[in-house]
């Protein structure tokens, strides 16, 4: 019995329903990412609040160093998350303008499995690996 081929090589674009699925994935990830960014911002804004723990003056210097390292770590995380959010937003734009899912290097359709795992990607795995 002959089975109908449904390989990525045959397709040159994704259907509206497929794009809607990818858009839903992206919007979910964007919402979660923005929530994380907001949490970090709230955490950082509370770092300046000494509260009632300011009774042991001798240990204050050690706490200040630990606080600075933690702030730096949180700022780096917020930066990475902001970059990720921007990449997701750009993917939404590509959905709207009809270029989503097309490899920027090869022009081939990026496999749906890859887009589900890395919805902001602009490259097939082969193109990505050939860069290294």
N, C-alpha and C. Protein backbone atom coordinates (compact mmCIF):
# COMPACT_ATOMS: atom_id res chain seq x y z
N UNK A 1 0.85 -1.18 0.00
CA UNK A 1 0.00 0.00 0.00
C UNK A 1 0.89 1.24 0.00
N UNK A 2 0.69 2.09 -0.93
CA UNK A 2 1.49 3.32 -1.03
C UNK A 2 1.02 4.33 0.00
N UNK A 3 1.98 4.87 0.68
CA UNK A 3 1.67 5.86 1.72
C UNK A 3 2.00 7.25 1.17
N UNK A 4 1.12 8.19 1.40
CA UNK A 4 1.32 9.55 0.91
C UNK A 4 2.49 10.18 1.65
N UNK A 5 3.44 10.72 0.91
CA UNK A 5 4.59 11.39 1.51
C UNK A 5 4.15 12.75 2.02
N UNK A 6 4.55 13.08 3.23
CA UNK A 6 4.24 14.39 3.80
C UNK A 6 5.51 14.97 4.39
N UNK A 7 6.58 14.93 3.61
CA UNK A 7 7.86 15.40 4.12
C UNK A 7 7.96 16.91 4.00
N UNK A 8 8.87 17.47 4.76
CA UNK A 8 9.10 18.91 4.74
C UNK A 8 9.61 19.33 3.36
N UNK A 9 10.35 18.44 2.67
CA UNK A 9 10.92 18.78 1.37
C UNK A 9 9.83 19.12 0.35
N UNK A 10 8.66 18.50 0.47
CA UNK A 10 7.58 18.75 -0.47
C UNK A 10 6.89 20.09 -0.22
N UNK A 11 6.85 20.50 1.01
CA UNK A 11 6.13 21.72 1.37
C UNK A 11 7.04 22.94 1.24
N UNK A 12 6.43 24.04 0.87
CA UNK A 12 7.19 25.29 0.79
C UNK A 12 6.65 26.34 1.74
N UNK A 13 5.53 26.02 2.41
CA UNK A 13 4.96 26.96 3.38
C UNK A 13 4.08 26.20 4.35
N UNK A 14 3.76 26.84 5.45
CA UNK A 14 2.85 26.24 6.43
C UNK A 14 1.44 26.78 6.20
N UNK A 15 0.45 25.94 6.50
CA UNK A 15 -0.95 26.32 6.34
C UNK A 15 -1.35 27.30 7.45
N UNK A 16 -2.49 27.92 7.26
CA UNK A 16 -3.00 28.86 8.26
C UNK A 16 -3.18 28.17 9.62
N UNK A 17 -3.68 26.94 9.62
CA UNK A 17 -3.89 26.23 10.90
C UNK A 17 -2.55 25.88 11.56
N UNK A 18 -1.56 25.53 10.76
CA UNK A 18 -0.24 25.26 11.32
C UNK A 18 0.37 26.55 11.90
N UNK A 19 0.24 27.64 11.16
CA UNK A 19 0.75 28.92 11.66
C UNK A 19 0.04 29.33 12.93
N UNK A 20 -1.26 29.05 13.02
CA UNK A 20 -2.02 29.37 14.23
C UNK A 20 -1.49 28.57 15.42
N UNK A 21 -1.11 27.32 15.19
CA UNK A 21 -0.52 26.50 16.25
C UNK A 21 0.80 27.10 16.72
N UNK A 22 1.65 27.49 15.77
CA UNK A 22 2.94 28.08 16.13
C UNK A 22 2.73 29.41 16.87
N UNK A 23 1.76 30.18 16.41
CA UNK A 23 1.48 31.46 17.06
C UNK A 23 1.05 31.25 18.51
N UNK A 24 0.23 30.23 18.74
CA UNK A 24 -0.22 29.92 20.10
C UNK A 24 0.97 29.52 20.99
N UNK A 25 1.87 28.71 20.45
CA UNK A 25 3.08 28.31 21.20
C UNK A 25 3.91 29.54 21.55
N UNK A 26 4.10 30.41 20.56
CA UNK A 26 4.92 31.61 20.77
C UNK A 26 4.27 32.52 21.80
N UNK A 27 2.97 32.73 21.70
CA UNK A 27 2.27 33.61 22.65
C UNK A 27 2.35 33.06 24.08
N UNK A 28 2.25 31.73 24.21
CA UNK A 28 2.38 31.11 25.54
C UNK A 28 3.77 31.34 26.11
N UNK A 29 4.79 31.12 25.28
CA UNK A 29 6.17 31.32 25.74
C UNK A 29 6.44 32.79 26.04
N UNK A 30 5.89 33.68 25.24
CA UNK A 30 6.08 35.11 25.45
C UNK A 30 5.43 35.54 26.77
N UNK A 31 4.24 35.03 27.05
CA UNK A 31 3.56 35.36 28.31
C UNK A 31 4.38 34.87 29.51
N UNK A 32 4.87 33.65 29.43
CA UNK A 32 5.67 33.09 30.53
C UNK A 32 6.97 33.88 30.70
N UNK A 33 7.60 34.24 29.59
CA UNK A 33 8.86 34.99 29.64
C UNK A 33 8.64 36.37 30.25
N UNK A 34 7.59 37.05 29.81
CA UNK A 34 7.30 38.37 30.37
C UNK A 34 6.95 38.30 31.86
N UNK A 35 6.30 37.23 32.27
CA UNK A 35 6.02 37.03 33.70
C UNK A 35 7.31 36.88 34.49
N UNK A 36 8.25 36.12 33.95
CA UNK A 36 9.55 35.95 34.61
C UNK A 36 10.30 37.27 34.72
N UNK A 37 10.25 38.06 33.64
CA UNK A 37 10.92 39.36 33.65
C UNK A 37 10.30 40.26 34.72
N UNK A 38 8.99 40.28 34.80
CA UNK A 38 8.31 41.10 35.82
C UNK A 38 8.66 40.63 37.23
N UNK A 39 8.74 39.31 37.43
CA UNK A 39 9.12 38.77 38.73
C UNK A 39 10.52 39.25 39.12
N UNK A 40 11.43 39.19 38.17
CA UNK A 40 12.81 39.64 38.44
C UNK A 40 12.83 41.12 38.77
N UNK A 41 12.08 41.90 38.02
CA UNK A 41 12.03 43.35 38.28
C UNK A 41 11.49 43.63 39.68
N UNK A 42 10.44 42.90 40.06
CA UNK A 42 9.88 43.09 41.42
C UNK A 42 10.90 42.66 42.47
N UNK A 43 11.60 41.56 42.22
CA UNK A 43 12.61 41.08 43.16
C UNK A 43 13.73 42.10 43.30
N UNK A 44 14.19 42.64 42.19
CA UNK A 44 15.26 43.63 42.24
C UNK A 44 14.82 44.89 42.95
N UNK A 45 13.60 45.31 42.76
CA UNK A 45 13.14 46.53 43.42
C UNK A 45 13.01 46.34 44.93
N UNK A 46 12.81 45.10 45.37
CA UNK A 46 12.73 44.82 46.81
C UNK A 46 14.11 44.62 47.44
N UNK A 47 15.14 44.44 46.61
CA UNK A 47 16.50 44.24 47.15
C UNK A 47 16.98 45.45 47.93
N UNK A 48 16.46 46.61 47.60
CA UNK A 48 16.87 47.83 48.30
C UNK A 48 16.16 48.00 49.63
N UNK A 49 15.17 47.15 49.89
CA UNK A 49 14.39 47.24 51.12
C UNK A 49 15.12 46.48 52.23
N UNK A 50 15.60 47.18 53.22
CA UNK A 50 16.32 46.54 54.32
C UNK A 50 15.40 45.84 55.30
N UNK A 51 14.17 46.24 55.35
CA UNK A 51 13.21 45.61 56.27
C UNK A 51 13.66 45.77 57.71
N UNK A 52 13.47 44.72 58.50
CA UNK A 52 13.86 44.77 59.92
C UNK A 52 15.11 43.96 60.18
N UNK A 53 15.75 43.44 59.13
CA UNK A 53 16.93 42.60 59.29
C UNK A 53 18.21 43.42 59.47
N UNK A 54 18.12 44.70 59.63
CA UNK A 54 19.29 45.58 59.68
C UNK A 54 19.79 45.76 61.12
N UNK A 55 19.80 44.69 61.90
CA UNK A 55 20.21 44.80 63.29
C UNK A 55 21.66 44.39 63.51
N UNK A 56 22.18 43.48 62.68
CA UNK A 56 23.56 43.02 62.84
C UNK A 56 24.46 43.81 61.91
N UNK A 57 25.06 44.87 62.40
CA UNK A 57 25.87 45.76 61.57
C UNK A 57 27.14 45.06 61.09
N UNK A 58 27.73 44.19 61.89
CA UNK A 58 28.98 43.52 61.52
C UNK A 58 28.87 42.65 60.30
N UNK A 59 27.74 42.02 60.09
CA UNK A 59 27.58 41.13 58.94
C UNK A 59 27.06 41.87 57.72
N UNK A 60 26.83 43.14 57.83
CA UNK A 60 26.27 43.93 56.73
C UNK A 60 27.17 43.92 55.49
N UNK A 61 28.50 43.98 55.67
CA UNK A 61 29.42 44.00 54.53
C UNK A 61 29.32 42.71 53.73
N UNK A 62 29.25 41.56 54.40
CA UNK A 62 29.11 40.28 53.71
C UNK A 62 27.78 40.21 52.96
N UNK A 63 26.73 40.70 53.60
CA UNK A 63 25.42 40.69 52.96
C UNK A 63 25.42 41.59 51.73
N UNK A 64 26.09 42.74 51.81
CA UNK A 64 26.15 43.66 50.68
C UNK A 64 26.81 42.98 49.47
N UNK A 65 27.88 42.25 49.70
CA UNK A 65 28.56 41.55 48.61
C UNK A 65 27.68 40.47 48.01
N UNK A 66 27.01 39.72 48.86
CA UNK A 66 26.10 38.68 48.36
C UNK A 66 24.93 39.31 47.61
N UNK A 67 24.42 40.42 48.13
CA UNK A 67 23.32 41.12 47.46
C UNK A 67 23.74 41.62 46.08
N UNK A 68 24.96 42.14 45.99
CA UNK A 68 25.43 42.64 44.70
C UNK A 68 25.57 41.51 43.68
N UNK A 69 26.10 40.36 44.11
CA UNK A 69 26.21 39.21 43.21
C UNK A 69 24.84 38.73 42.76
N UNK A 70 23.90 38.71 43.69
CA UNK A 70 22.55 38.27 43.36
C UNK A 70 21.88 39.26 42.41
N UNK A 71 22.07 40.55 42.62
CA UNK A 71 21.51 41.56 41.72
C UNK A 71 22.10 41.40 40.32
N UNK A 72 23.40 41.17 40.26
CA UNK A 72 24.06 41.00 38.97
C UNK A 72 23.51 39.77 38.25
N UNK A 73 23.34 38.68 38.98
CA UNK A 73 22.79 37.45 38.40
C UNK A 73 21.37 37.69 37.89
N UNK A 74 20.56 38.38 38.69
CA UNK A 74 19.18 38.66 38.28
C UNK A 74 19.14 39.58 37.06
N UNK A 75 20.02 40.57 37.03
CA UNK A 75 20.07 41.47 35.88
C UNK A 75 20.47 40.71 34.61
N UNK A 76 21.43 39.79 34.73
CA UNK A 76 21.83 38.99 33.57
C UNK A 76 20.67 38.11 33.10
N UNK A 77 19.96 37.52 34.03
CA UNK A 77 18.80 36.70 33.68
C UNK A 77 17.73 37.54 32.98
N UNK A 78 17.48 38.72 33.50
CA UNK A 78 16.49 39.61 32.89
C UNK A 78 16.92 39.99 31.48
N UNK A 79 18.20 40.22 31.27
CA UNK A 79 18.71 40.55 29.94
C UNK A 79 18.51 39.42 28.96
N UNK A 80 18.82 38.19 29.39
CA UNK A 80 18.62 37.02 28.52
C UNK A 80 17.14 36.83 28.20
N UNK A 81 16.30 36.99 29.21
CA UNK A 81 14.86 36.83 29.00
C UNK A 81 14.31 37.91 28.08
N UNK A 82 14.81 39.13 28.20
CA UNK A 82 14.36 40.22 27.33
C UNK A 82 14.74 39.94 25.88
N UNK A 83 15.94 39.41 25.67
CA UNK A 83 16.38 39.05 24.33
C UNK A 83 15.49 37.95 23.76
N UNK A 84 15.18 36.96 24.58
CA UNK A 84 14.30 35.86 24.16
C UNK A 84 12.92 36.40 23.81
N UNK A 85 12.39 37.31 24.63
CA UNK A 85 11.07 37.90 24.35
C UNK A 85 11.09 38.64 23.02
N UNK A 86 12.16 39.36 22.75
CA UNK A 86 12.29 40.08 21.47
C UNK A 86 12.31 39.10 20.30
N UNK A 87 13.01 37.99 20.47
CA UNK A 87 13.06 36.98 19.41
C UNK A 87 11.68 36.38 19.16
N UNK A 88 10.93 36.16 20.23
CA UNK A 88 9.57 35.63 20.09
C UNK A 88 8.67 36.65 19.38
N UNK A 89 8.81 37.92 19.73
CA UNK A 89 8.02 38.97 19.09
C UNK A 89 8.35 39.06 17.60
N UNK A 90 9.61 38.91 17.26
CA UNK A 90 10.01 38.92 15.84
C UNK A 90 9.42 37.71 15.10
N UNK A 91 9.32 36.58 15.78
CA UNK A 91 8.71 35.39 15.18
C UNK A 91 7.23 35.66 14.87
N UNK A 92 6.55 36.37 15.77
CA UNK A 92 5.15 36.72 15.52
C UNK A 92 5.03 37.62 14.29
N UNK A 93 5.97 38.51 14.12
CA UNK A 93 5.97 39.39 12.94
C UNK A 93 6.18 38.55 11.67
N UNK A 94 7.08 37.55 11.75
CA UNK A 94 7.32 36.69 10.59
C UNK A 94 6.06 35.89 10.24
N UNK A 95 5.28 35.50 11.25
CA UNK A 95 4.02 34.81 10.97
C UNK A 95 3.10 35.74 10.18
N UNK A 96 3.00 36.98 10.63
CA UNK A 96 2.11 37.96 9.99
C UNK A 96 2.56 38.29 8.56
N UNK A 97 3.88 38.36 8.33
CA UNK A 97 4.34 38.75 6.99
C UNK A 97 4.62 37.56 6.06
N UNK A 98 4.36 36.35 6.54
CA UNK A 98 4.45 35.18 5.68
C UNK A 98 5.83 34.57 5.53
N UNK A 99 6.78 34.95 6.36
CA UNK A 99 8.13 34.39 6.25
C UNK A 99 8.46 33.40 7.37
N UNK A 100 7.52 33.15 8.26
CA UNK A 100 7.77 32.26 9.40
C UNK A 100 7.97 30.82 8.91
N UNK A 101 8.97 30.18 9.49
CA UNK A 101 9.21 28.77 9.20
C UNK A 101 10.09 28.53 7.99
N UNK A 102 10.57 29.59 7.37
CA UNK A 102 11.45 29.46 6.21
C UNK A 102 12.87 29.80 6.65
N UNK A 103 13.80 28.89 6.40
CA UNK A 103 15.19 29.08 6.81
C UNK A 103 15.79 30.28 6.10
N UNK A 104 16.39 31.16 6.89
CA UNK A 104 16.98 32.38 6.32
C UNK A 104 18.23 32.09 5.50
N UNK A 105 18.84 30.92 5.71
CA UNK A 105 20.06 30.57 4.99
C UNK A 105 19.79 29.73 3.74
N UNK A 106 18.88 28.77 3.86
CA UNK A 106 18.66 27.83 2.76
C UNK A 106 17.37 28.10 1.98
N UNK A 107 16.43 28.82 2.59
CA UNK A 107 15.14 29.05 1.94
C UNK A 107 14.20 27.86 2.06
N UNK A 108 14.65 26.80 2.73
CA UNK A 108 13.82 25.61 2.90
C UNK A 108 12.92 25.77 4.12
N UNK A 109 11.86 24.98 4.14
CA UNK A 109 10.94 25.00 5.26
C UNK A 109 11.58 24.33 6.48
N UNK A 110 11.54 25.01 7.60
CA UNK A 110 12.07 24.45 8.85
C UNK A 110 11.07 23.41 9.34
N UNK A 111 11.52 22.22 9.72
CA UNK A 111 10.59 21.18 10.18
C UNK A 111 9.74 21.65 11.37
N UNK A 112 8.47 21.25 11.36
CA UNK A 112 7.53 21.66 12.40
C UNK A 112 8.01 21.24 13.78
N UNK A 113 8.66 20.08 13.88
CA UNK A 113 9.14 19.62 15.19
C UNK A 113 10.15 20.61 15.76
N UNK A 114 11.01 21.13 14.90
CA UNK A 114 12.00 22.11 15.35
C UNK A 114 11.31 23.41 15.78
N UNK A 115 10.32 23.83 15.02
CA UNK A 115 9.62 25.07 15.36
C UNK A 115 8.83 24.92 16.66
N UNK A 116 8.32 23.74 16.91
CA UNK A 116 7.61 23.53 18.19
C UNK A 116 8.58 23.60 19.36
N UNK A 117 9.80 23.11 19.16
CA UNK A 117 10.80 23.11 20.22
C UNK A 117 11.47 24.48 20.37
N UNK A 118 11.75 25.13 19.23
CA UNK A 118 12.45 26.42 19.21
C UNK A 118 11.65 27.35 18.29
N UNK A 119 10.51 27.86 18.76
CA UNK A 119 9.60 28.58 17.86
C UNK A 119 10.14 29.88 17.29
N UNK A 120 11.21 30.40 17.84
CA UNK A 120 11.78 31.65 17.33
C UNK A 120 12.92 31.42 16.34
N UNK A 121 13.23 30.16 16.05
CA UNK A 121 14.35 29.87 15.16
C UNK A 121 14.09 30.38 13.75
N UNK A 122 15.17 30.71 13.07
CA UNK A 122 15.09 31.14 11.68
C UNK A 122 15.93 30.24 10.78
N UNK A 123 16.38 29.10 11.35
CA UNK A 123 17.26 28.21 10.60
C UNK A 123 16.86 26.75 10.80
N UNK A 124 17.09 25.97 9.76
CA UNK A 124 16.99 24.52 9.92
C UNK A 124 18.17 24.10 10.81
N UNK A 125 18.08 22.92 11.35
CA UNK A 125 19.17 22.45 12.22
C UNK A 125 20.45 22.29 11.39
N UNK A 126 20.31 21.88 10.14
CA UNK A 126 21.49 21.72 9.27
C UNK A 126 22.19 23.06 9.05
N UNK A 127 21.42 24.10 8.79
CA UNK A 127 22.01 25.44 8.58
C UNK A 127 22.65 25.92 9.85
N UNK A 128 22.02 25.68 10.98
CA UNK A 128 22.57 26.10 12.27
C UNK A 128 23.89 25.39 12.55
N UNK A 129 23.93 24.08 12.31
CA UNK A 129 25.13 23.30 12.58
C UNK A 129 26.27 23.66 11.62
N UNK A 130 25.95 24.06 10.40
CA UNK A 130 26.99 24.39 9.45
C UNK A 130 27.66 25.71 9.76
N UNK A 131 27.05 26.52 10.62
CA UNK A 131 27.66 27.78 11.05
C UNK A 131 28.84 27.55 11.98
N UNK A 132 28.78 26.49 12.75
CA UNK A 132 29.81 26.23 13.77
C UNK A 132 31.05 25.69 13.22
